Amino acid sequence: MSYKPARRPHFFYTTAPLPCPYVPGRTERKVVTELAGVLAESLHDRLSRGGFRRSHNIAYAPVCPSCSACVPIRIRAHDFCPNRTQRRIARLNADIQVQEMPPRATAEQFALFQTYQQARHGEGDMATMSFYDYRAMVEDTPIETSLVEFRLPDGTLAGACLTDRLSDGLSAVYSFFDTSLQARSIGTYAVLWLVARAVELDLPNVYLGYWVEESRKMAYKAKFRPAEILRGGQWVELNAAASPARTPLKTKHMVEREAALSIIQPMETE
């Protein structure tokens, strides 16, 4: 008779209420759990499909009282059809050099991270992070993670995106960029690059975290179509009525998609 060891229980915890960082006047609470051990990858996969996000070795999801504004959103990479603005951004950044590297923090990244935080989130907790806090954010990961760097032709770091690899897609954990390069829209270009990379890896989705329609900082995610949101435990297509009109002709859809993605530079792996 063989002995089967008891399965270790997995615990979930609820955080204390805090002011919502996205919608003024509301309260935020999260359910969190640890990602550790040999099952961290598979657990992270399952939780990501259920609307969880990762920070360090913790997976979390909002469980806010009387509010459901944070909606998990993902792009269907193989069907993605860039709009006119996104095609223009792809062309403007055709000279960007992209490197996908192991998650290692550098002083150069941290300097850009600090500048970004002061420009975009000056009153947030991340604006006071030290280099050691930043290094923990980047390097403290129990799963397959990479740091994608975006550099100008002269080698200047223009942006970076911490990215998790899932069995069904790529997950944008956190991105930051040089806000003075407004015309380039590096943040949007980073998402376009992740979509192209997911297609290259034959992965169906790019997870963008939470879409908050009431928050200007988070509403941009709905501009990448087709997108799916998690409602009632099911991934459903985001209402097309909320997006700019698209041509119904599949042939044109494919031509525009291929033209835009072909502009995005292939990655260089360190």
Protein backbone atom coordinates (compact mmCIF):
# COMPACT_ATOMS: atom_id res chain seq x y z
CA MET A 1 0.00 0.00 0.00
CA SER A 2 1.57 3.29 -1.08
CA TYR A 3 1.53 6.38 1.10
CA LYS A 4 0.35 9.63 -0.41
CA PRO A 5 1.41 12.67 1.59
CA ALA A 6 -1.28 15.12 2.61
CA ARG A 7 -1.63 18.06 0.27
CA ARG A 8 -0.43 21.29 1.84
CA PRO A 9 -3.36 23.71 2.21
CA HIS A 10 -3.14 27.01 0.39
CA PHE A 11 -4.16 30.08 2.33
CA PHE A 12 -5.68 33.35 1.15
CA TYR A 13 -5.76 36.51 3.24
CA THR A 14 -7.63 39.80 3.04
CA THR A 15 -5.80 43.10 3.49
CA ALA A 16 -6.96 45.98 5.67
CA PRO A 17 -9.02 48.72 3.95
CA LEU A 18 -6.99 51.50 2.32
CA PRO A 19 -7.88 54.54 0.17
CA CYS A 20 -8.41 53.54 -3.46
CA PRO A 21 -5.52 54.72 -5.70
CA TYR A 22 -7.78 54.92 -8.78
CA VAL A 23 -11.18 56.30 -7.80
CA PRO A 24 -11.22 59.11 -5.19
CA GLY A 25 -13.41 58.57 -2.15
CA ARG A 26 -13.50 54.78 -2.40
CA THR A 27 -11.89 52.08 -0.29
CA GLU A 28 -9.58 49.35 -1.55
CA ARG A 29 -9.22 45.83 -0.16
CA LYS A 30 -7.35 42.88 -1.67
CA VAL A 31 -7.26 39.12 -1.29
CA VAL A 32 -3.65 37.91 -1.38
CA THR A 33 -1.81 34.61 -1.40
CA GLU A 34 1.82 33.52 -1.54
CA LEU A 35 3.44 32.13 -4.67
CA ALA A 36 6.16 29.76 -3.55
CA GLY A 37 7.62 26.31 -4.11
CA VAL A 38 7.44 23.98 -7.08
CA LEU A 39 3.77 24.77 -7.68
CA ALA A 40 4.26 28.54 -7.96
CA GLU A 41 4.14 28.53 -11.78
CA SER A 42 0.95 26.47 -12.09
CA LEU A 43 -0.76 28.37 -9.28
CA HIS A 44 0.15 31.69 -10.88
CA ASP A 45 -1.27 30.46 -14.19
CA ARG A 46 -4.59 29.50 -12.64
CA LEU A 47 -4.88 32.67 -10.60
CA SER A 48 -4.02 34.88 -13.59
CA ARG A 49 -6.86 33.33 -15.58
CA GLY A 50 -9.05 34.10 -12.57
CA GLY A 51 -8.17 37.81 -12.53
CA PHE A 52 -5.25 37.86 -10.08
CA ARG A 53 -2.08 39.90 -10.52
CA ARG A 54 1.45 39.37 -9.22
CA SER A 55 3.69 41.58 -7.07
CA HIS A 56 6.94 40.03 -5.82
CA ASN A 57 5.96 36.53 -4.61
CA ILE A 58 2.36 37.54 -3.89
CA ALA A 59 -0.73 37.12 -6.08
CA TYR A 60 -3.59 39.53 -5.38
CA ALA A 61 -7.05 40.52 -6.57
CA PRO A 62 -9.42 43.33 -5.49
CA VAL A 63 -12.28 42.48 -3.14
CA CYS A 64 -13.39 46.04 -2.53
CA PRO A 65 -16.62 46.68 -0.60
CA SER A 66 -19.46 48.05 -2.74
CA CYS A 67 -17.22 48.53 -5.78
CA SER A 68 -16.28 46.48 -8.84
CA ALA A 69 -14.55 49.17 -10.89
CA CYS A 70 -11.32 47.15 -11.34
CA VAL A 71 -11.98 44.73 -14.20
CA PRO A 72 -9.33 42.21 -15.38
CA ILE A 73 -8.54 42.78 -19.05
CA ARG A 74 -6.48 40.96 -21.68
CA ILE A 75 -5.77 41.41 -25.39
CA ARG A 76 -6.41 38.59 -27.84
CA ALA A 77 -2.97 38.76 -29.43
CA HIS A 78 -3.59 36.80 -32.64
CA ASP A 79 -6.71 38.85 -33.45
CA PHE A 80 -5.32 42.24 -32.44
CA CYS A 81 -6.19 45.06 -34.85
CA PRO A 82 -4.33 48.32 -34.13
CA ASN A 83 -6.23 51.55 -34.58
CA ARG A 84 -4.86 54.52 -36.53
CA THR A 85 -3.10 56.05 -33.50
CA GLN A 86 -1.46 52.75 -32.58
CA ARG A 87 -0.21 52.26 -36.15
CA ARG A 88 1.27 55.76 -36.06
CA ILE A 89 3.01 55.01 -32.74
CA ALA A 90 4.46 51.80 -34.19
CA ARG A 91 5.90 53.76 -37.12
CA LEU A 92 7.33 56.50 -34.88
CA ASN A 93 9.15 53.90 -32.80
CA ALA A 94 10.50 51.78 -35.65
CA ASP A 95 14.01 52.83 -34.57
CA ILE A 96 13.60 51.67 -30.96
CA GLN A 97 16.00 48.93 -29.85
CA VAL A 98 14.34 46.25 -27.70
CA GLN A 99 16.06 43.79 -25.39
CA GLU A 100 14.32 41.09 -23.35
CA MET A 101 16.54 40.23 -20.39
CA PRO A 102 16.49 38.34 -17.09
CA PRO A 103 14.90 40.32 -14.23
CA ARG A 104 17.93 42.20 -12.94
CA ALA A 105 17.68 45.71 -11.54
CA THR A 106 20.16 48.40 -12.59
CA ALA A 107 20.89 51.94 -11.44
CA GLU A 108 19.97 53.18 -14.94
CA GLN A 109 16.53 51.59 -14.72
CA PHE A 110 15.97 52.93 -11.23
CA ALA A 111 16.81 56.49 -12.27
CA LEU A 112 14.18 56.31 -15.03
CA PHE A 113 11.74 54.62 -12.63
CA GLN A 114 12.13 57.47 -10.13
CA THR A 115 11.64 60.14 -12.80
CA TYR A 116 8.53 58.35 -14.05
CA GLN A 117 7.05 58.05 -10.56
CA GLN A 118 7.56 61.73 -9.81
CA ALA A 119 5.98 62.74 -13.13
CA ARG A 120 2.99 60.38 -13.05
CA HIS A 121 2.46 59.13 -9.49
CA GLY A 122 4.16 61.69 -7.27
CA GLU A 123 1.77 61.16 -4.35
CA GLY A 124 1.80 57.36 -4.52
CA ASP A 125 3.77 54.96 -2.34
CA MET A 126 6.01 53.89 -5.21
CA ALA A 127 7.41 57.42 -5.52
CA THR A 128 9.31 56.87 -2.25
CA MET A 129 10.80 53.49 -3.19
CA SER A 130 14.53 53.06 -2.66
CA PHE A 131 16.80 51.20 -5.07
CA TYR A 132 16.54 48.14 -2.81
CA ASP A 133 12.73 48.32 -2.99
CA TYR A 134 12.94 48.56 -6.77
CA ARG A 135 15.37 45.65 -6.96
CA ALA A 136 12.99 43.52 -4.88
CA MET A 137 10.11 44.42 -7.22
CA VAL A 138 12.13 43.29 -10.24
CA GLU A 139 14.11 40.34 -8.90
CA ASP A 140 11.83 38.82 -6.25
CA THR A 141 9.87 36.52 -8.54
CA PRO A 142 9.13 32.80 -8.17
CA ILE A 143 8.12 32.38 -11.82
CA GLU A 144 9.50 32.97 -15.32
CA THR A 145 9.90 36.74 -15.59
CA SER A 146 11.78 39.04 -17.93
CA LEU A 147 12.56 42.73 -18.06
CA VAL A 148 12.04 44.26 -21.49
CA GLU A 149 14.08 47.41 -22.14
CA PHE A 150 13.28 49.96 -24.84
CA ARG A 151 16.21 52.12 -25.98
CA LEU A 152 16.55 55.07 -28.33
CA PRO A 153 18.96 54.78 -31.28
CA ASP A 154 21.71 56.43 -29.19
CA GLY A 155 21.31 53.77 -26.48
CA THR A 156 19.38 55.90 -23.98
CA LEU A 157 16.90 53.91 -21.93
CA ALA A 158 13.41 55.12 -22.88
CA GLY A 159 11.26 52.60 -21.04
CA ALA A 160 11.02 49.17 -19.46
CA CYS A 161 8.36 46.56 -18.83
CA LEU A 162 8.51 43.81 -16.20
CA THR A 163 6.78 40.86 -17.86
CA ASP A 164 5.64 37.43 -16.66
CA ARG A 165 5.42 34.40 -18.95
CA LEU A 166 2.20 32.39 -18.56
CA SER A 167 1.12 29.19 -20.27
CA ASP A 168 -1.51 31.18 -22.20
CA GLY A 169 0.14 34.54 -22.64
CA LEU A 170 2.35 37.36 -21.42
CA SER A 171 1.46 39.48 -18.40
CA ALA A 172 2.59 43.10 -18.14
CA VAL A 173 3.44 43.35 -14.43
CA TYR A 174 4.70 46.94 -14.40
CA SER A 175 6.00 49.38 -16.98
CA PHE A 176 7.60 52.81 -16.81
CA PHE A 177 9.05 55.17 -19.39
CA ASP A 178 10.49 58.59 -20.14
CA THR A 179 7.46 60.87 -19.95
CA SER A 180 9.30 63.64 -21.82
CA LEU A 181 9.10 61.50 -24.98
CA GLN A 182 5.40 62.27 -25.27
CA ALA A 183 5.26 62.04 -29.06
CA ARG A 184 6.65 58.50 -29.00
CA SER A 185 4.07 57.16 -26.50
CA ILE A 186 6.51 54.54 -25.20
CA GLY A 187 3.88 53.08 -22.87
CA THR A 188 1.59 52.27 -25.79
CA TYR A 189 4.52 51.00 -27.86
CA ALA A 190 5.46 48.61 -25.04
CA VAL A 191 1.99 47.04 -25.20
CA LEU A 192 2.22 46.77 -29.00
CA TRP A 193 5.58 45.04 -28.63
CA LEU A 194 4.17 42.58 -26.09
CA VAL A 195 1.37 41.71 -28.50
CA ALA A 196 3.87 41.09 -31.30
CA ARG A 197 6.03 39.01 -28.95
CA ALA A 198 3.03 36.93 -27.83
CA VAL A 199 2.20 36.21 -31.48
CA GLU A 200 5.83 35.23 -32.09
CA LEU A 201 5.66 32.80 -29.14
CA ASP A 202 2.24 31.53 -30.28
CA LEU A 203 0.63 32.68 -27.03
CA PRO A 204 -3.02 33.78 -27.28
CA ASN A 205 -3.19 36.59 -24.69
CA VAL A 206 -1.50 39.67 -23.30
CA TYR A 207 -2.73 40.41 -19.77
CA LEU A 208 -2.83 44.14 -18.93
CA GLY A 209 -4.00 43.96 -15.33
CA TYR A 210 -7.09 45.92 -14.36
CA TRP A 211 -9.15 48.21 -16.53
CA VAL A 212 -10.76 51.02 -14.52
CA GLU A 213 -13.10 52.93 -16.81
CA GLU A 214 -13.47 55.76 -14.27
CA SER A 215 -9.71 56.26 -13.99
CA ARG A 216 -7.87 58.18 -16.70
CA LYS A 217 -4.65 56.36 -15.80
CA MET A 218 -6.22 52.94 -16.43
CA ALA A 219 -8.89 53.61 -19.07
CA TYR A 220 -6.35 53.51 -21.95
CA LYS A 221 -6.28 49.70 -21.77
CA ALA A 222 -9.66 49.47 -23.50
CA LYS A 223 -8.12 50.96 -26.66
CA PHE A 224 -6.38 47.68 -27.55
CA ARG A 225 -8.92 45.56 -29.42
CA PRO A 226 -10.18 42.94 -29.46
CA ALA A 227 -9.95 42.70 -25.70
CA GLU A 228 -11.62 40.45 -23.17
CA ILE A 229 -12.69 41.28 -19.63
CA LEU A 230 -13.47 38.93 -16.76
CA ARG A 231 -17.14 39.07 -15.77
CA GLY A 232 -18.82 36.54 -13.51
CA GLY A 233 -15.87 34.18 -13.77
CA GLN A 234 -15.94 34.18 -17.60
CA TRP A 235 -13.74 36.02 -20.10
CA VAL A 236 -16.04 37.92 -22.48
CA GLU A 237 -15.30 40.36 -25.27
CA LEU A 238 -15.25 43.99 -24.25
CA ASN A 239 -18.25 45.79 -25.67
CA ALA A 240 -17.31 46.92 -29.17
CA ALA A 241 -19.64 49.90 -28.84
CA ALA A 242 -17.14 51.53 -26.49
CA SER A 243 -14.37 51.50 -29.08
CA PRO A 244 -13.77 53.44 -32.30
CA ALA A 245 -15.36 51.96 -35.40
CA ARG A 246 -13.45 49.16 -37.13
CA THR A 247 -13.70 48.06 -40.71
CA PRO A 248 -15.82 44.93 -41.10
CA LEU A 249 -13.59 43.67 -43.90
CA LYS A 250 -11.36 40.90 -42.61
CA THR A 251 -8.86 41.37 -45.39
CA LYS A 252 -8.21 44.96 -44.39
CA HIS A 253 -8.09 43.95 -40.72
CA MET A 254 -5.31 41.48 -41.48
CA VAL A 255 -3.37 43.90 -43.68
CA GLU A 256 -3.43 46.64 -41.01
CA ARG A 257 -2.46 44.23 -38.24
CA GLU A 258 0.43 42.70 -40.16
CA ALA A 259 1.69 46.09 -41.33
CA ALA A 260 1.71 47.52 -37.79
CA LEU A 261 3.29 44.50 -36.14
CA SER A 262 5.94 44.19 -38.85
CA ILE A 263 7.23 47.65 -37.90
CA ILE A 264 7.92 46.55 -34.32
CA GLN A 265 11.54 45.56 -34.00
CA PRO A 266 12.38 41.92 -33.18
CA MET A 267 13.77 41.39 -29.71
CA GLU A 268 17.39 40.93 -28.77
CA THR A 269 17.90 38.43 -25.97
CA GLU A 270 20.74 39.00 -23.55
